[in-house]
Amino acid sequence: MALPPDLITLLAALFMLFGVPLILFSIVLLYTGYVRYDAEQYLEELEAEAEEGVDEHGDEGVAESNDQ
């Protein structure tokens, strides 16, 4: 295996080999973490709305929307 003679080429090769995949992987993990957090918040809102519907109507049915 031949190593590049100058240090800058060696550092650039190491960055391309390890740095770029690490950056891309961290971006994907950050995005999926945000999507998971947002989904959990949305589900909590839906559960809160369902509980309010049960409390208002006194039954265990799904709360009907008043948009109609």
N, C-alpha and C. Protein backbone atom coordinates (compact mmCIF):
# COMPACT_ATOMS: atom_id res chain seq x y z
N MET A 1 0.85 -1.17 0.00
CA MET A 1 0.00 0.00 0.00
C MET A 1 0.89 1.23 0.00
N ALA A 2 0.64 2.12 -0.91
CA ALA A 2 1.46 3.33 -1.02
C ALA A 2 0.80 4.47 -0.26
N LEU A 3 1.54 5.14 0.59
CA LEU A 3 1.05 6.30 1.32
C LEU A 3 1.39 7.57 0.55
N PRO A 4 0.51 8.57 0.56
CA PRO A 4 0.82 9.82 -0.14
C PRO A 4 2.05 10.49 0.49
N PRO A 5 2.87 11.11 -0.32
CA PRO A 5 4.09 11.71 0.21
C PRO A 5 3.87 12.96 1.04
N ASP A 6 2.82 13.71 0.76
CA ASP A 6 2.62 14.93 1.53
C ASP A 6 1.51 14.75 2.57
N LEU A 7 1.59 15.52 3.63
CA LEU A 7 0.68 15.40 4.77
C LEU A 7 -0.74 15.83 4.43
N ILE A 8 -0.89 16.85 3.60
CA ILE A 8 -2.23 17.36 3.27
C ILE A 8 -3.03 16.31 2.51
N THR A 9 -2.42 15.63 1.59
CA THR A 9 -3.12 14.58 0.85
C THR A 9 -3.51 13.44 1.78
N LEU A 10 -2.65 13.10 2.70
CA LEU A 10 -2.96 12.04 3.67
C LEU A 10 -4.13 12.45 4.56
N LEU A 11 -4.12 13.68 5.05
CA LEU A 11 -5.22 14.16 5.89
C LEU A 11 -6.53 14.24 5.11
N ALA A 12 -6.46 14.67 3.86
CA ALA A 12 -7.66 14.73 3.03
C ALA A 12 -8.23 13.34 2.79
N ALA A 13 -7.36 12.37 2.56
CA ALA A 13 -7.82 11.00 2.35
C ALA A 13 -8.46 10.43 3.61
N LEU A 14 -7.86 10.71 4.77
CA LEU A 14 -8.44 10.23 6.02
C LEU A 14 -9.78 10.90 6.31
N PHE A 15 -9.88 12.20 5.99
CA PHE A 15 -11.15 12.89 6.18
C PHE A 15 -12.23 12.30 5.28
N MET A 16 -11.89 12.03 4.03
CA MET A 16 -12.87 11.45 3.11
C MET A 16 -13.25 10.03 3.54
N LEU A 17 -12.33 9.32 4.12
CA LEU A 17 -12.58 7.95 4.52
C LEU A 17 -13.41 7.87 5.80
N PHE A 18 -13.11 8.73 6.77
CA PHE A 18 -13.80 8.66 8.06
C PHE A 18 -14.71 9.85 8.35
N GLY A 19 -14.29 11.04 7.98
CA GLY A 19 -15.03 12.25 8.33
C GLY A 19 -16.35 12.38 7.62
N VAL A 20 -16.35 12.21 6.31
CA VAL A 20 -17.58 12.38 5.53
C VAL A 20 -18.65 11.36 5.94
N PRO A 21 -18.34 10.07 6.05
CA PRO A 21 -19.38 9.14 6.51
C PRO A 21 -19.88 9.46 7.93
N LEU A 22 -18.97 9.91 8.78
CA LEU A 22 -19.38 10.27 10.14
C LEU A 22 -20.33 11.45 10.14
N ILE A 23 -20.05 12.45 9.32
CA ILE A 23 -20.93 13.61 9.23
C ILE A 23 -22.30 13.20 8.68
N LEU A 24 -22.31 12.42 7.62
CA LEU A 24 -23.59 11.98 7.03
C LEU A 24 -24.38 11.12 8.01
N PHE A 25 -23.71 10.23 8.70
CA PHE A 25 -24.38 9.37 9.68
C PHE A 25 -24.97 10.20 10.81
N SER A 26 -24.25 11.21 11.27
CA SER A 26 -24.76 12.05 12.36
C SER A 26 -25.96 12.88 11.91
N ILE A 27 -25.95 13.32 10.65
CA ILE A 27 -27.11 14.07 10.13
C ILE A 27 -28.34 13.17 10.09
N VAL A 28 -28.16 11.93 9.64
CA VAL A 28 -29.29 10.99 9.59
C VAL A 28 -29.81 10.71 10.99
N LEU A 29 -28.91 10.49 11.95
CA LEU A 29 -29.34 10.24 13.32
C LEU A 29 -30.06 11.44 13.93
N LEU A 30 -29.56 12.63 13.65
CA LEU A 30 -30.21 13.84 14.15
C LEU A 30 -31.61 13.98 13.58
N TYR A 31 -31.76 13.74 12.29
CA TYR A 31 -33.06 13.85 11.66
C TYR A 31 -34.04 12.80 12.19
N THR A 32 -33.59 11.56 12.32
CA THR A 32 -34.49 10.53 12.82
C THR A 32 -34.86 10.78 14.28
N GLY A 33 -33.94 11.34 15.06
CA GLY A 33 -34.28 11.70 16.43
C GLY A 33 -35.33 12.78 16.48
N TYR A 34 -35.24 13.76 15.58
CA TYR A 34 -36.25 14.82 15.54
C TYR A 34 -37.59 14.25 15.12
N VAL A 35 -37.61 13.36 14.13
CA VAL A 35 -38.87 12.77 13.68
C VAL A 35 -39.51 11.97 14.80
N ARG A 36 -38.70 11.20 15.54
CA ARG A 36 -39.23 10.42 16.65
C ARG A 36 -39.80 11.33 17.74
N TYR A 37 -39.07 12.40 18.08
CA TYR A 37 -39.54 13.34 19.10
C TYR A 37 -40.86 13.99 18.65
N ASP A 38 -40.93 14.41 17.40
CA ASP A 38 -42.13 15.04 16.89
C ASP A 38 -43.30 14.06 16.91
N ALA A 39 -43.06 12.80 16.56
CA ALA A 39 -44.12 11.80 16.58
C ALA A 39 -44.62 11.56 17.99
N GLU A 40 -43.71 11.52 18.96
CA GLU A 40 -44.13 11.32 20.35
C GLU A 40 -44.97 12.49 20.84
N GLN A 41 -44.58 13.72 20.47
CA GLN A 41 -45.37 14.88 20.86
C GLN A 41 -46.77 14.82 20.24
N TYR A 42 -46.84 14.43 18.97
CA TYR A 42 -48.12 14.35 18.29
C TYR A 42 -49.02 13.29 18.93
N LEU A 43 -48.45 12.14 19.28
CA LEU A 43 -49.24 11.10 19.92
C LEU A 43 -49.74 11.53 21.29
N GLU A 44 -48.90 12.27 22.04
CA GLU A 44 -49.35 12.78 23.33
C GLU A 44 -50.50 13.75 23.17
N GLU A 45 -50.46 14.59 22.13
CA GLU A 45 -51.58 15.51 21.87
C GLU A 45 -52.84 14.75 21.53
N LEU A 46 -52.72 13.70 20.71
CA LEU A 46 -53.89 12.91 20.35
C LEU A 46 -54.49 12.21 21.58
N GLU A 47 -53.62 11.68 22.45
CA GLU A 47 -54.11 11.03 23.66
C GLU A 47 -54.79 12.04 24.58
N ALA A 48 -54.24 13.24 24.67
CA ALA A 48 -54.86 14.27 25.51
C ALA A 48 -56.22 14.66 24.95
N GLU A 49 -56.33 14.80 23.63
CA GLU A 49 -57.62 15.12 23.03
C GLU A 49 -58.63 13.99 23.25
N ALA A 50 -58.17 12.74 23.17
CA ALA A 50 -59.07 11.61 23.39
C ALA A 50 -59.56 11.59 24.84
N GLU A 51 -58.67 11.89 25.78
CA GLU A 51 -59.07 11.93 27.18
C GLU A 51 -60.04 13.06 27.45
N GLU A 52 -59.86 14.22 26.79
CA GLU A 52 -60.79 15.32 26.95
C GLU A 52 -62.16 14.95 26.41
N GLY A 53 -62.18 14.21 25.30
CA GLY A 53 -63.44 13.77 24.72
C GLY A 53 -64.17 12.82 25.64
N VAL A 54 -63.47 11.94 26.33
CA VAL A 54 -64.08 11.01 27.28
C VAL A 54 -64.61 11.79 28.47
N ASP A 55 -63.85 12.75 28.95
CA ASP A 55 -64.28 13.52 30.11
C ASP A 55 -65.51 14.37 29.79
N GLU A 56 -65.58 14.95 28.60
CA GLU A 56 -66.70 15.81 28.25
C GLU A 56 -67.98 15.02 28.05
N HIS A 57 -67.90 13.87 27.40
CA HIS A 57 -69.11 13.13 27.04
C HIS A 57 -69.46 12.04 28.04
N GLY A 58 -68.54 11.68 28.89
CA GLY A 58 -68.80 10.68 29.90
C GLY A 58 -68.82 9.26 29.38
N ASP A 59 -68.41 9.06 28.15
CA ASP A 59 -68.34 7.70 27.63
C ASP A 59 -66.93 7.43 27.13
N GLU A 60 -66.70 6.20 26.74
CA GLU A 60 -65.35 5.82 26.34
C GLU A 60 -65.19 5.83 24.83
N GLY A 61 -66.14 6.38 24.09
CA GLY A 61 -66.03 6.44 22.64
C GLY A 61 -65.00 7.48 22.21
N VAL A 62 -64.70 7.44 20.94
CA VAL A 62 -63.75 8.39 20.40
C VAL A 62 -64.42 9.76 20.35
N ALA A 63 -63.69 10.76 20.76
CA ALA A 63 -64.23 12.12 20.77
C ALA A 63 -64.51 12.58 19.34
N GLU A 64 -65.71 13.10 19.11
CA GLU A 64 -66.06 13.59 17.78
C GLU A 64 -65.58 15.01 17.63
N SER A 65 -65.15 15.35 16.44
CA SER A 65 -64.69 16.71 16.21
C SER A 65 -65.88 17.62 15.96
N ASN A 66 -65.72 18.87 16.30
CA ASN A 66 -66.78 19.86 16.13
C ASN A 66 -66.58 20.67 14.86
N ASP A 67 -65.83 20.14 13.91
CA ASP A 67 -65.53 20.84 12.66
C ASP A 67 -66.69 20.77 11.68
N GLN A 68 -67.64 19.92 11.89
CA GLN A 68 -68.71 19.70 10.91
C GLN A 68 -69.73 20.80 10.95
